Amino acid sequence: MANIIRRYPGQEAAQGGGAWDPLRAVRDAFRWDPFREIEAALGGELRSATSFAPTFDVKETKEAYVFRADLPGVKEDDLEISLTGNRLVVSGHREQESREQGETYYATERSYGAFSRAFTLPEGIDGENVNAELKNGVLHVTVPKKPEVQPRRISVGNGGEGKAKA
């Protein structure tokens, strides 16, 4: 069975294994982005429209692939979920709250803006019965597997059914 492949905006499918990106490895392993500290030092001036990047939990069950993401403050109307072939794309945006003139902020750590995440799924998914639900700020997307690719139990029985032993 193939692995699910995470793709980030601007990332193309690696040909022949692709090159190792140490910066991505640090971000993925430690959930630490060194550029975020630079941005904070400059007062958030580097923050772009794509700074909001929700993280996903992805698990495989016998029947489906299940995706979960925390999307607090994102409305259903601001989400777009599409499945083309075996590529699932979840995109949307979270609006920044308005700021009043004269308010003093001592920290602004919450991120806003547009996001897009893409996942390449193994063959054998049932694209006609995908289910998505946004409840209490948590997105749940269930991509079922086709019945023919789901594991089934095979019983071990008598090879010569109906024949009497001699």
Protein backbone atom coordinates (compact mmCIF):
# COMPACT_ATOMS: atom_id res chain seq x y z
CA MET A 1 0.00 0.00 0.00
CA ALA A 2 1.33 3.42 -0.91
CA ASN A 3 1.90 6.13 1.68
CA ILE A 4 -0.12 9.32 1.79
CA ILE A 5 2.03 12.16 0.50
CA ARG A 6 1.79 15.63 2.09
CA ARG A 7 2.17 18.54 -0.28
CA TYR A 8 2.61 22.20 0.61
CA PRO A 9 1.78 25.18 -1.60
CA GLY A 10 4.40 25.55 -4.32
CA GLN A 11 5.79 22.07 -3.72
CA GLU A 12 5.89 19.90 -6.81
CA ALA A 13 5.98 16.14 -6.79
CA ALA A 14 9.58 15.05 -6.36
CA GLN A 15 11.00 13.17 -9.30
CA GLY A 16 13.15 10.18 -8.43
CA GLY A 17 12.98 10.75 -4.67
CA GLY A 18 13.81 14.47 -4.80
CA ALA A 19 16.34 16.38 -2.78
CA TRP A 20 16.40 16.43 1.00
CA ASP A 21 15.35 19.79 2.43
CA PRO A 22 16.91 20.28 5.88
CA LEU A 23 14.76 23.36 6.64
CA ARG A 24 11.56 21.40 5.97
CA ALA A 25 12.89 18.54 8.11
CA VAL A 26 13.42 20.93 11.05
CA ARG A 27 9.96 22.48 10.60
CA ASP A 28 8.29 19.05 10.38
CA ALA A 29 10.22 17.43 13.23
CA PHE A 30 10.13 20.27 15.74
CA ARG A 31 7.19 22.32 14.44
CA TRP A 32 9.58 25.25 14.50
CA ASP A 33 9.89 27.84 11.78
CA PRO A 34 13.02 30.03 12.17
CA PHE A 35 11.46 32.72 9.99
CA ARG A 36 8.60 33.17 12.46
CA GLU A 37 11.10 34.53 15.02
CA ILE A 38 12.49 36.99 12.48
CA GLU A 39 8.96 38.08 11.65
CA ALA A 40 8.16 38.65 15.33
CA ALA A 41 11.33 40.74 15.74
CA LEU A 42 10.25 42.95 12.83
CA GLY A 43 6.78 43.43 14.29
CA GLY A 44 4.96 41.07 11.98
CA GLU A 45 5.88 42.97 8.82
CA LEU A 46 6.82 39.78 6.96
CA ARG A 47 3.45 38.12 7.59
CA SER A 48 1.96 37.19 4.26
CA ALA A 49 -1.49 36.12 3.16
CA THR A 50 -0.43 32.48 3.41
CA SER A 51 0.86 32.55 6.98
CA PHE A 52 -2.08 30.54 8.33
CA ALA A 53 -1.16 26.88 7.82
CA PRO A 54 -3.30 24.45 9.82
CA THR A 55 -1.79 21.10 10.69
CA PHE A 56 -3.58 17.85 9.93
CA ASP A 57 -3.84 14.45 11.58
CA VAL A 58 -4.22 11.70 8.99
CA LYS A 59 -5.02 8.11 9.87
CA GLU A 60 -5.94 5.00 7.97
CA THR A 61 -8.64 2.63 9.19
CA LYS A 62 -9.87 -0.58 7.57
CA GLU A 63 -12.66 1.32 5.85
CA ALA A 64 -11.28 4.80 5.15
CA TYR A 65 -8.66 7.53 5.40
CA VAL A 66 -9.58 10.08 8.07
CA PHE A 67 -8.28 13.67 8.08
CA ARG A 68 -8.66 16.05 11.03
CA ALA A 69 -7.55 19.67 11.28
CA ASP A 70 -8.07 22.37 13.87
CA LEU A 71 -9.58 25.36 12.07
CA PRO A 72 -10.76 27.74 14.79
CA GLY A 73 -12.44 30.82 13.39
CA VAL A 74 -12.85 29.35 9.90
CA LYS A 75 -16.43 29.31 8.62
CA GLU A 76 -17.86 26.57 6.41
CA ASP A 77 -18.33 29.12 3.63
CA ASP A 78 -14.60 29.92 3.79
CA LEU A 79 -13.58 26.27 3.15
CA GLU A 80 -13.18 24.46 -0.14
CA ILE A 81 -12.57 20.72 -0.26
CA SER A 82 -12.02 18.96 -3.56
CA LEU A 83 -11.01 15.50 -4.73
CA THR A 84 -9.56 15.10 -8.20
CA GLY A 85 -8.59 11.53 -8.93
CA ASN A 86 -6.68 10.53 -5.80
CA ARG A 87 -5.61 14.07 -4.80
CA LEU A 88 -7.49 15.67 -1.89
CA VAL A 89 -7.17 19.46 -1.57
CA VAL A 90 -8.37 21.40 1.48
CA SER A 91 -8.15 25.17 1.16
CA GLY A 92 -9.71 28.22 2.72
CA HIS A 93 -8.99 31.32 4.71
CA ARG A 94 -9.38 32.86 8.14
CA GLU A 95 -10.12 36.56 8.35
CA GLN A 96 -8.12 38.78 10.67
CA GLU A 97 -10.12 40.50 13.37
CA SER A 98 -10.42 44.23 13.02
CA ARG A 99 -8.16 46.42 15.16
CA GLU A 100 -9.23 49.72 16.60
CA GLN A 101 -7.03 52.79 16.34
CA GLY A 102 -5.09 53.36 19.57
CA GLU A 103 -5.22 49.76 20.84
CA THR A 104 -1.92 48.48 22.20
CA TYR A 105 -0.97 44.87 21.48
CA TYR A 106 1.84 43.24 23.44
CA ALA A 107 1.76 40.04 21.42
CA THR A 108 0.17 39.06 18.12
CA GLU A 109 0.84 35.38 17.60
CA ARG A 110 -2.35 34.16 15.95
CA SER A 111 -2.09 33.80 12.21
CA TYR A 112 -4.61 34.65 9.52
CA GLY A 113 -4.91 34.41 5.79
CA ALA A 114 -5.37 31.82 3.09
CA PHE A 115 -4.18 28.23 3.26
CA SER A 116 -4.11 25.22 0.98
CA ARG A 117 -3.10 21.65 1.77
CA ALA A 118 -3.00 18.77 -0.70
CA PHE A 119 -2.74 15.04 -0.02
CA THR A 120 -2.13 12.33 -2.59
CA LEU A 121 -4.01 9.19 -1.60
CA PRO A 122 -3.32 5.60 -2.63
CA GLU A 123 -5.41 3.99 -5.37
CA GLY A 124 -8.68 2.37 -4.37
CA ILE A 125 -10.52 5.26 -2.72
CA ASP A 126 -14.26 5.77 -3.10
CA GLY A 127 -14.41 9.38 -4.30
CA GLU A 128 -18.19 9.35 -4.60
CA ASN A 129 -18.77 8.97 -0.84
CA VAL A 130 -16.34 11.46 0.73
CA ASN A 131 -17.76 13.10 3.85
CA ALA A 132 -16.64 16.41 5.38
CA GLU A 133 -17.85 18.06 8.58
CA LEU A 134 -16.75 21.22 10.40
CA LYS A 135 -17.84 21.08 14.03
CA ASN A 136 -16.56 23.15 16.95
CA GLY A 137 -13.63 24.40 14.86
CA VAL A 138 -12.43 20.90 13.92
CA LEU A 139 -12.63 19.69 10.33
CA HIS A 140 -13.24 15.95 9.79
CA VAL A 141 -12.87 14.56 6.26
CA THR A 142 -13.48 10.86 5.68
CA VAL A 143 -12.40 9.32 2.38
CA PRO A 144 -13.74 5.75 2.24
CA LYS A 145 -11.95 2.89 0.54
CA LYS A 146 -13.66 0.89 -2.19
CA PRO A 147 -15.02 -2.42 -0.84
CA GLU A 148 -12.73 -4.46 -3.10
CA VAL A 149 -9.59 -2.94 -1.52
CA GLN A 150 -10.74 -3.30 2.08
CA PRO A 151 -9.17 -6.20 3.94
CA ARG A 152 -11.39 -9.25 4.29
CA ARG A 153 -11.00 -12.34 6.37
CA ILE A 154 -10.30 -15.56 4.52
CA SER A 155 -11.13 -18.69 6.43
CA VAL A 156 -8.87 -21.68 6.26
CA GLY A 157 -10.94 -24.72 5.45
CA ASN A 158 -10.86 -28.20 4.05
CA GLY A 159 -9.21 -28.08 0.60
CA GLY A 160 -11.31 -30.97 -0.69
CA GLU A 161 -14.75 -29.73 0.30
CA GLY A 162 -17.46 -32.36 0.07
CA LYS A 163 -15.00 -35.24 -0.27
CA ALA A 164 -14.79 -37.87 2.39
CA LYS A 165 -11.40 -38.78 3.81
CA ALA A 166 -10.17 -42.22 2.85
